[in-house]
Amino acid sequence: MNKKRWRNYALWVSIVSQVLLLLQLIGHLTGLFDLTDVMKQDLLTVADVLLGLLATLGIISNPTKPDSGGYNL
């Protein structure tokens, strides 16, 4: 696999979100923990604010970097 792919911001955002979804599913299926609707809304709000901030600062998408497709480190 191309090393440049691992330096992609969008890839890491996707991996982190999938890991969190997997942890939520495992917790629900095993009964270790279960998120309430209020907790889900709070987590969604935090994720929205964090991703919005990263996008505003140009960390997730940096189209000004030379020789970049936009999402690379």
Protein backbone atom coordinates (compact mmCIF):
# COMPACT_ATOMS: atom_id res chain seq x y z
CA MET A 1 0.00 0.00 0.00
CA ASN A 2 1.18 3.50 -0.77
CA LYS A 3 2.78 5.26 2.24
CA LYS A 4 1.13 8.52 1.21
CA ARG A 5 -2.27 6.95 1.89
CA TRP A 6 -1.40 6.57 5.60
CA ARG A 7 -0.63 10.31 5.77
CA ASN A 8 -4.16 11.23 4.74
CA TYR A 9 -6.24 13.20 7.30
CA ALA A 10 -9.52 11.85 5.98
CA LEU A 11 -8.27 8.29 6.40
CA TRP A 12 -7.47 8.86 10.08
CA VAL A 13 -10.79 10.59 10.76
CA SER A 14 -12.54 7.59 9.17
CA ILE A 15 -10.49 5.04 11.12
CA VAL A 16 -11.15 6.76 14.45
CA SER A 17 -14.88 6.98 13.77
CA GLN A 18 -15.05 3.31 12.81
CA VAL A 19 -13.14 2.26 15.94
CA LEU A 20 -15.54 4.26 18.11
CA LEU A 21 -18.54 2.68 16.40
CA LEU A 22 -17.01 -0.77 16.92
CA LEU A 23 -16.46 -0.06 20.63
CA GLN A 24 -20.05 1.11 20.96
CA LEU A 25 -21.31 -2.08 19.27
CA ILE A 26 -19.13 -4.34 21.42
CA GLY A 27 -20.28 -2.55 24.58
CA HIS A 28 -23.91 -2.91 23.59
CA LEU A 29 -23.65 -6.58 22.58
CA THR A 30 -21.70 -7.64 25.66
CA GLY A 31 -23.76 -5.52 28.05
CA LEU A 32 -20.67 -3.80 29.45
CA PHE A 33 -22.10 -0.37 28.69
CA ASP A 34 -24.90 1.12 26.67
CA LEU A 35 -25.14 4.70 25.51
CA THR A 36 -28.37 6.52 26.20
CA ASP A 37 -29.91 8.83 23.62
CA VAL A 38 -28.74 11.86 25.61
CA MET A 39 -25.16 10.53 25.72
CA LYS A 40 -25.26 9.87 21.96
CA GLN A 41 -26.44 13.43 21.28
CA ASP A 42 -23.70 14.85 23.52
CA LEU A 43 -21.01 12.79 21.79
CA LEU A 44 -22.35 13.77 18.38
CA THR A 45 -22.26 17.45 19.35
CA VAL A 46 -18.65 17.16 20.55
CA ALA A 47 -17.64 15.37 17.33
CA ASP A 48 -19.38 18.00 15.20
CA VAL A 49 -17.64 20.84 17.01
CA LEU A 50 -14.23 19.14 16.87
CA LEU A 51 -14.47 18.28 13.17
CA GLY A 52 -15.81 21.75 12.39
CA LEU A 53 -12.89 23.32 14.20
CA LEU A 54 -10.36 21.10 12.41
CA ALA A 55 -11.93 21.91 9.04
CA THR A 56 -12.00 25.64 9.81
CA LEU A 57 -8.33 25.62 10.76
CA GLY A 58 -7.51 23.77 7.54
CA ILE A 59 -6.17 20.72 9.33
CA ILE A 60 -8.52 18.19 7.74
CA SER A 61 -8.44 19.80 4.31
CA ASN A 62 -5.42 21.83 3.29
CA PRO A 63 -5.73 22.73 -0.39
CA THR A 64 -2.85 25.25 -0.12
CA LYS A 65 -0.17 22.59 0.34
CA PRO A 66 1.92 22.17 -2.82
CA ASP A 67 1.49 18.92 -4.76
CA SER A 68 -1.42 17.88 -2.56
CA GLY A 69 -4.83 16.57 -3.39
CA GLY A 70 -6.17 18.30 -0.29
CA TYR A 71 -6.18 15.74 2.50
CA ASN A 72 -2.53 14.76 2.85
CA LEU A 73 -0.04 15.51 5.62
